[in-house]
Amino acid sequence: MKGLIIKDFINLKQQLKITIILFIFYLLFGIITQSTSMFYMVLVLYSMMIPLSIFSYDEKAKWDRYALTLPVSRRDLVVSKYLVYLIVNCVLSILAFVPSVATGMPLLESFSMVLSVVCIGWIYVSVSYPILFKFGVEKSRFVIMIMSVISMIAFTAGSDLINSLSISLPNIVMYIASPILSIVIIAASMMISFRIMAKKEF
């Protein structure tokens, strides 16, 4: 399992370098303009690029077919993909607080924005992973593009919605309900992916 995760991060190495450059640029841009919206949009966009990149590298190398000749189960292949995104999502969540602190954004508003990035990213992955496992990158590209557009729109609308809910609902309810709902969606997505991989022929 550890080897599978390391393999994916090695594949993402070049993309991570580009992300660091973009992170620094939009961080400085946000500090100068006192606006962090573009920075958060970049985080959402990057979180959507991760699944496509990981599956694309594996598909070109026909990795799954080779991996199954190793002491690796089909469930391991599925779980490793979700764990890679979990690690990336945690890092993005931490980075999301940086511009908020730098621009003096209120803590509650900052937490709401981070919550939007995390939840939308996980919902996107929970829907896209089973599709990618089933059809592969090339056949799924158009559907993934549509999902990306919908996710960006959802992020813009969701940020305002979360901020309004934080006023009308007890914060504890929103901040507990959102992660629980995300976990349920992720669990359902993993179960679907397990079934798809169990029946898939290479």
C-alpha atoms as a PDB file:
ATOM      1  CA  MET A   1       0.000   0.000   0.000  1.00  0.00           C
ATOM      2  CA  LYS A   2       2.774   2.407   0.960  1.00  0.00           C
ATOM      3  CA  GLY A   3       4.533   1.698  -2.329  1.00  0.00           C
ATOM      4  CA  LEU A   4       1.377   2.479  -4.319  1.00  0.00           C
ATOM      5  CA  ILE A   5       1.000   5.839  -2.582  1.00  0.00           C
ATOM      6  CA  ILE A   6       4.667   6.746  -3.113  1.00  0.00           C
ATOM      7  CA  LYS A   7       4.356   5.781  -6.791  1.00  0.00           C
ATOM      8  CA  ASP A   8       1.452   8.202  -7.293  1.00  0.00           C
ATOM      9  CA  PHE A   9       3.301  11.069  -5.621  1.00  0.00           C
ATOM     10  CA  ILE A  10       6.367  10.428  -7.786  1.00  0.00           C
ATOM     11  CA  ASN A  11       4.105  10.683 -10.839  1.00  0.00           C
ATOM     12  CA  LEU A  12       2.702  13.959  -9.505  1.00  0.00           C
ATOM     13  CA  LYS A  13       6.154  15.412  -8.787  1.00  0.00           C
ATOM     14  CA  GLN A  14       6.259  17.742 -11.812  1.00  0.00           C
ATOM     15  CA  GLN A  15       2.693  18.867 -11.240  1.00  0.00           C
ATOM     16  CA  LEU A  16       3.474  19.630  -7.592  1.00  0.00           C
ATOM     17  CA  LYS A  17       6.302  21.948  -8.670  1.00  0.00           C
ATOM     18  CA  ILE A  18       3.920  23.911 -10.883  1.00  0.00           C
ATOM     19  CA  THR A  19       1.401  24.035  -8.046  1.00  0.00           C
ATOM     20  CA  ILE A  20       3.953  25.551  -5.656  1.00  0.00           C
ATOM     21  CA  ILE A  21       4.690  28.314  -8.180  1.00  0.00           C
ATOM     22  CA  LEU A  22       0.971  29.018  -8.620  1.00  0.00           C
ATOM     23  CA  PHE A  23       0.481  28.920  -4.857  1.00  0.00           C
ATOM     24  CA  ILE A  24       3.149  31.582  -4.293  1.00  0.00           C
ATOM     25  CA  PHE A  25       1.829  33.756  -7.136  1.00  0.00           C
ATOM     26  CA  TYR A  26      -1.804  33.741  -6.012  1.00  0.00           C
ATOM     27  CA  LEU A  27      -0.788  34.102  -2.377  1.00  0.00           C
ATOM     28  CA  LEU A  28       1.092  37.309  -3.193  1.00  0.00           C
ATOM     29  CA  PHE A  29      -1.776  38.396  -5.447  1.00  0.00           C
ATOM     30  CA  GLY A  30      -4.263  37.843  -2.623  1.00  0.00           C
ATOM     31  CA  ILE A  31      -2.143  39.763  -0.107  1.00  0.00           C
ATOM     32  CA  ILE A  32      -1.674  42.714  -2.478  1.00  0.00           C
ATOM     33  CA  THR A  33      -5.341  42.902  -3.504  1.00  0.00           C
ATOM     34  CA  GLN A  34      -6.673  41.815  -0.081  1.00  0.00           C
ATOM     35  CA  SER A  35      -8.791  39.236  -1.909  1.00  0.00           C
ATOM     36  CA  THR A  36      -8.341  35.476  -1.484  1.00  0.00           C
ATOM     37  CA  SER A  37     -11.066  34.314  -3.878  1.00  0.00           C
ATOM     38  CA  MET A  38      -8.645  33.524  -6.735  1.00  0.00           C
ATOM     39  CA  PHE A  39      -6.408  31.569  -4.370  1.00  0.00           C
ATOM     40  CA  TYR A  40      -9.287  29.366  -3.251  1.00  0.00           C
ATOM     41  CA  MET A  41     -10.402  28.871  -6.850  1.00  0.00           C
ATOM     42  CA  VAL A  42      -6.896  27.605  -7.679  1.00  0.00           C
ATOM     43  CA  LEU A  43      -7.051  25.158  -4.762  1.00  0.00           C
ATOM     44  CA  VAL A  44     -10.389  23.808  -5.979  1.00  0.00           C
ATOM     45  CA  LEU A  45      -9.064  23.553  -9.541  1.00  0.00           C
ATOM     46  CA  TYR A  46      -5.954  21.700  -8.377  1.00  0.00           C
ATOM     47  CA  SER A  47      -8.007  19.302  -6.277  1.00  0.00           C
ATOM     48  CA  MET A  48      -9.942  18.453  -9.445  1.00  0.00           C
ATOM     49  CA  MET A  49      -6.778  17.927 -11.504  1.00  0.00           C
ATOM     50  CA  ILE A  50      -5.334  15.348  -9.111  1.00  0.00           C
ATOM     51  CA  PRO A  51      -7.674  12.416  -9.941  1.00  0.00           C
ATOM     52  CA  LEU A  52      -7.335  12.917 -13.697  1.00  0.00           C
ATOM     53  CA  SER A  53      -3.537  13.131 -13.481  1.00  0.00           C
ATOM     54  CA  ILE A  54      -3.148  10.022 -11.308  1.00  0.00           C
ATOM     55  CA  PHE A  55      -5.378   7.874 -13.488  1.00  0.00           C
ATOM     56  CA  SER A  56      -3.855   9.260 -16.696  1.00  0.00           C
ATOM     57  CA  TYR A  57      -0.316   8.244 -15.716  1.00  0.00           C
ATOM     58  CA  ASP A  58      -1.482   4.757 -14.717  1.00  0.00           C
ATOM     59  CA  GLU A  59      -3.511   4.286 -17.888  1.00  0.00           C
ATOM     60  CA  LYS A  60      -0.629   5.250 -20.192  1.00  0.00           C
ATOM     61  CA  ALA A  61       1.710   2.835 -18.426  1.00  0.00           C
ATOM     62  CA  LYS A  62      -0.991   0.124 -18.184  1.00  0.00           C
ATOM     63  CA  TRP A  63      -0.117   0.078 -14.505  1.00  0.00           C
ATOM     64  CA  ASP A  64      -3.150  -1.788 -13.153  1.00  0.00           C
ATOM     65  CA  ARG A  65      -2.472  -4.786 -15.378  1.00  0.00           C
ATOM     66  CA  TYR A  66       1.129  -4.923 -14.170  1.00  0.00           C
ATOM     67  CA  ALA A  67       0.255  -4.215 -10.518  1.00  0.00           C
ATOM     68  CA  LEU A  68      -2.010  -7.250 -10.342  1.00  0.00           C
ATOM     69  CA  THR A  69       0.981  -9.490 -11.047  1.00  0.00           C
ATOM     70  CA  LEU A  70       2.481  -8.188  -7.790  1.00  0.00           C
ATOM     71  CA  PRO A  71       1.348  -9.022  -4.248  1.00  0.00           C
ATOM     72  CA  VAL A  72      -1.239  -6.238  -4.488  1.00  0.00           C
ATOM     73  CA  SER A  73      -5.004  -6.729  -4.378  1.00  0.00           C
ATOM     74  CA  ARG A  74      -7.606  -4.858  -6.390  1.00  0.00           C
ATOM     75  CA  ARG A  75      -8.879  -3.326  -3.158  1.00  0.00           C
ATOM     76  CA  ASP A  76      -5.371  -2.010  -2.485  1.00  0.00           C
ATOM     77  CA  LEU A  77      -5.371  -0.260  -5.858  1.00  0.00           C
ATOM     78  CA  VAL A  78      -8.652   1.443  -4.996  1.00  0.00           C
ATOM     79  CA  VAL A  79      -7.792   2.377  -1.417  1.00  0.00           C
ATOM     80  CA  SER A  80      -4.404   3.819  -2.409  1.00  0.00           C
ATOM     81  CA  LYS A  81      -6.066   6.275  -4.809  1.00  0.00           C
ATOM     82  CA  TYR A  82      -8.386   7.553  -2.070  1.00  0.00           C
ATOM     83  CA  LEU A  83      -5.506   7.787   0.419  1.00  0.00           C
ATOM     84  CA  VAL A  84      -3.415   9.829  -2.020  1.00  0.00           C
ATOM     85  CA  TYR A  85      -6.246  12.295  -2.389  1.00  0.00           C
ATOM     86  CA  LEU A  86      -6.762  12.339   1.390  1.00  0.00           C
ATOM     87  CA  ILE A  87      -3.135  13.394   1.859  1.00  0.00           C
ATOM     88  CA  VAL A  88      -3.392  16.034  -0.874  1.00  0.00           C
ATOM     89  CA  ASN A  89      -6.659  17.314   0.569  1.00  0.00           C
ATOM     90  CA  CYS A  90      -5.142  17.662   4.044  1.00  0.00           C
ATOM     91  CA  VAL A  91      -2.207  19.639   2.637  1.00  0.00           C
ATOM     92  CA  LEU A  92      -4.549  21.894   0.638  1.00  0.00           C
ATOM     93  CA  SER A  93      -6.637  22.474   3.762  1.00  0.00           C
ATOM     94  CA  ILE A  94      -3.582  23.667   5.679  1.00  0.00           C
ATOM     95  CA  LEU A  95      -2.440  25.875   2.795  1.00  0.00           C
ATOM     96  CA  ALA A  96      -5.918  27.381   2.558  1.00  0.00           C
ATOM     97  CA  PHE A  97      -5.456  29.076   5.922  1.00  0.00           C
ATOM     98  CA  VAL A  98      -2.259  30.890   4.851  1.00  0.00           C
ATOM     99  CA  PRO A  99      -3.812  33.706   2.767  1.00  0.00           C
ATOM    100  CA  SER A 100      -6.584  34.095   5.326  1.00  0.00           C
ATOM    101  CA  VAL A 101      -4.065  34.811   8.070  1.00  0.00           C
ATOM    102  CA  ALA A 102      -1.997  37.036   5.772  1.00  0.00           C
ATOM    103  CA  THR A 103      -4.996  39.177   4.778  1.00  0.00           C
ATOM    104  CA  GLY A 104      -6.589  39.276   8.224  1.00  0.00           C
ATOM    105  CA  MET A 105      -9.733  37.395   7.183  1.00  0.00           C
ATOM    106  CA  PRO A 106     -12.046  36.595  10.140  1.00  0.00           C
ATOM    107  CA  LEU A 107     -11.465  33.064  11.465  1.00  0.00           C
ATOM    108  CA  LEU A 108     -15.070  31.942  10.921  1.00  0.00           C
ATOM    109  CA  GLU A 109     -15.093  33.128   7.308  1.00  0.00           C
ATOM    110  CA  SER A 110     -11.710  31.507   6.707  1.00  0.00           C
ATOM    111  CA  PHE A 111     -12.866  28.189   8.154  1.00  0.00           C
ATOM    112  CA  SER A 112     -15.992  28.327   5.991  1.00  0.00           C
ATOM    113  CA  MET A 113     -13.900  28.799   2.846  1.00  0.00           C
ATOM    114  CA  VAL A 114     -11.622  25.907   3.792  1.00  0.00           C
ATOM    115  CA  LEU A 115     -14.667  23.750   4.489  1.00  0.00           C
ATOM    116  CA  SER A 116     -15.946  24.568   1.000  1.00  0.00           C
ATOM    117  CA  VAL A 117     -12.648  23.536  -0.609  1.00  0.00           C
ATOM    118  CA  VAL A 118     -12.525  20.258   1.334  1.00  0.00           C
ATOM    119  CA  CYS A 119     -16.156  19.220   0.853  1.00  0.00           C
ATOM    120  CA  ILE A 120     -16.405  20.111  -2.834  1.00  0.00           C
ATOM    121  CA  GLY A 121     -13.090  18.381  -3.501  1.00  0.00           C
ATOM    122  CA  TRP A 122     -14.241  15.177  -1.808  1.00  0.00           C
ATOM    123  CA  ILE A 123     -17.641  15.189  -3.495  1.00  0.00           C
ATOM    124  CA  TYR A 124     -15.939  15.662  -6.855  1.00  0.00           C
ATOM    125  CA  VAL A 125     -13.521  12.792  -6.184  1.00  0.00           C
ATOM    126  CA  SER A 126     -16.270  10.554  -4.803  1.00  0.00           C
ATOM    127  CA  VAL A 127     -18.180  10.894  -8.069  1.00  0.00           C
ATOM    128  CA  SER A 128     -15.229  10.893 -10.481  1.00  0.00           C
ATOM    129  CA  TYR A 129     -13.249   7.947  -9.062  1.00  0.00           C
ATOM    130  CA  PRO A 130     -15.876   5.262  -9.791  1.00  0.00           C
ATOM    131  CA  ILE A 131     -16.299   6.703 -13.295  1.00  0.00           C
ATOM    132  CA  LEU A 132     -12.539   6.663 -13.886  1.00  0.00           C
ATOM    133  CA  PHE A 133     -12.208   3.122 -12.527  1.00  0.00           C
ATOM    134  CA  LYS A 134     -15.037   1.981 -14.790  1.00  0.00           C
ATOM    135  CA  PHE A 135     -14.285   3.723 -18.088  1.00  0.00           C
ATOM    136  CA  GLY A 136     -10.723   5.033 -17.845  1.00  0.00           C
ATOM    137  CA  VAL A 137      -9.465   8.561 -18.482  1.00  0.00           C
ATOM    138  CA  GLU A 138     -10.087   8.904 -22.220  1.00  0.00           C
ATOM    139  CA  LYS A 139     -13.703   7.721 -22.162  1.00  0.00           C
ATOM    140  CA  SER A 140     -14.441   9.728 -19.010  1.00  0.00           C
ATOM    141  CA  ARG A 141     -12.748  12.993 -20.038  1.00  0.00           C
ATOM    142  CA  PHE A 142     -15.901  14.756 -21.278  1.00  0.00           C
ATOM    143  CA  VAL A 143     -17.906  13.805 -18.184  1.00  0.00           C
ATOM    144  CA  ILE A 144     -15.032  14.901 -15.935  1.00  0.00           C
ATOM    145  CA  MET A 145     -14.848  18.277 -17.717  1.00  0.00           C
ATOM    146  CA  ILE A 146     -18.553  18.866 -17.112  1.00  0.00           C
ATOM    147  CA  MET A 147     -18.120  17.884 -13.471  1.00  0.00           C
ATOM    148  CA  SER A 148     -15.218  20.338 -13.163  1.00  0.00           C
ATOM    149  CA  VAL A 149     -17.359  23.215 -14.388  1.00  0.00           C
ATOM    150  CA  ILE A 150     -20.184  22.228 -12.046  1.00  0.00           C
ATOM    151  CA  SER A 151     -17.724  21.985  -9.138  1.00  0.00           C
ATOM    152  CA  MET A 152     -16.360  25.471  -9.789  1.00  0.00           C
ATOM    153  CA  ILE A 153     -19.891  26.870  -9.870  1.00  0.00           C
ATOM    154  CA  ALA A 154     -20.737  24.913  -6.721  1.00  0.00           C
ATOM    155  CA  PHE A 155     -17.677  26.335  -4.957  1.00  0.00           C
ATOM    156  CA  THR A 156     -18.681  29.902  -5.777  1.00  0.00           C
ATOM    157  CA  ALA A 157     -22.271  29.349  -4.664  1.00  0.00           C
ATOM    158  CA  GLY A 158     -21.301  27.079  -1.768  1.00  0.00           C
ATOM    159  CA  SER A 159     -19.009  29.641  -0.174  1.00  0.00           C
ATOM    160  CA  ASP A 160     -21.856  32.123   0.125  1.00  0.00           C
ATOM    161  CA  LEU A 161     -24.227  29.401   1.315  1.00  0.00           C
ATOM    162  CA  ILE A 162     -21.891  28.200   4.059  1.00  0.00           C
ATOM    163  CA  ASN A 163     -21.368  31.753   5.242  1.00  0.00           C
ATOM    164  CA  SER A 164     -25.132  32.299   5.423  1.00  0.00           C
ATOM    165  CA  LEU A 165     -25.674  28.987   7.220  1.00  0.00           C
ATOM    166  CA  SER A 166     -23.048  29.902   9.777  1.00  0.00           C
ATOM    167  CA  ILE A 167     -25.248  32.791  10.742  1.00  0.00           C
ATOM    168  CA  SER A 168     -28.584  30.982  10.830  1.00  0.00           C
ATOM    169  CA  LEU A 169     -27.405  27.645  12.255  1.00  0.00           C
ATOM    170  CA  PRO A 170     -25.282  26.824  15.286  1.00  0.00           C
ATOM    171  CA  ASN A 171     -21.691  26.542  14.053  1.00  0.00           C
ATOM    172  CA  ILE A 172     -21.238  23.207  15.792  1.00  0.00           C
ATOM    173  CA  VAL A 173     -24.072  21.695  13.714  1.00  0.00           C
ATOM    174  CA  MET A 174     -22.595  22.793  10.395  1.00  0.00           C
ATOM    175  CA  TYR A 175     -19.017  21.898  11.223  1.00  0.00           C
ATOM    176  CA  ILE A 176     -19.948  18.400  12.443  1.00  0.00           C
ATOM    177  CA  ALA A 177     -22.582  17.648   9.798  1.00  0.00           C
ATOM    178  CA  SER A 178     -20.367  18.556   6.820  1.00  0.00           C
ATOM    179  CA  PRO A 179     -17.518  16.111   7.613  1.00  0.00           C
ATOM    180  CA  ILE A 180     -19.978  13.335   8.500  1.00  0.00           C
ATOM    181  CA  LEU A 181     -21.822  13.806   5.207  1.00  0.00           C
ATOM    182  CA  SER A 182     -18.511  13.806   3.328  1.00  0.00           C
ATOM    183  CA  ILE A 183     -17.429  10.562   5.032  1.00  0.00           C
ATOM    184  CA  VAL A 184     -20.719   8.876   4.086  1.00  0.00           C
ATOM    185  CA  ILE A 185     -20.312   9.959   0.446  1.00  0.00           C
ATOM    186  CA  ILE A 186     -16.681   8.800   0.378  1.00  0.00           C
ATOM    187  CA  ALA A 187     -17.591   5.417   1.891  1.00  0.00           C
ATOM    188  CA  ALA A 188     -20.324   4.901  -0.709  1.00  0.00           C
ATOM    189  CA  SER A 189     -17.910   5.889  -3.480  1.00  0.00           C
ATOM    190  CA  MET A 190     -15.296   3.408  -2.261  1.00  0.00           C
ATOM    191  CA  MET A 191     -17.821   0.578  -2.131  1.00  0.00           C
ATOM    192  CA  ILE A 192     -18.847   1.301  -5.726  1.00  0.00           C
ATOM    193  CA  SER A 193     -15.195   1.455  -6.794  1.00  0.00           C
ATOM    194  CA  PHE A 194     -14.500  -1.881  -5.059  1.00  0.00           C
ATOM    195  CA  ARG A 195     -17.306  -3.544  -7.016  1.00  0.00           C
ATOM    196  CA  ILE A 196     -16.167  -2.007 -10.303  1.00  0.00           C
ATOM    197  CA  MET A 197     -12.571  -3.149  -9.823  1.00  0.00           C
ATOM    198  CA  ALA A 198     -13.645  -6.629  -8.713  1.00  0.00           C
ATOM    199  CA  LYS A 199     -15.456  -7.154 -12.036  1.00  0.00           C
ATOM    200  CA  LYS A 200     -13.009  -5.305 -14.279  1.00  0.00           C
ATOM    201  CA  GLU A 201     -10.962  -7.275 -16.784  1.00  0.00           C
ATOM    202  CA  PHE A 202      -7.474  -6.162 -17.809  1.00  0.00           C
END
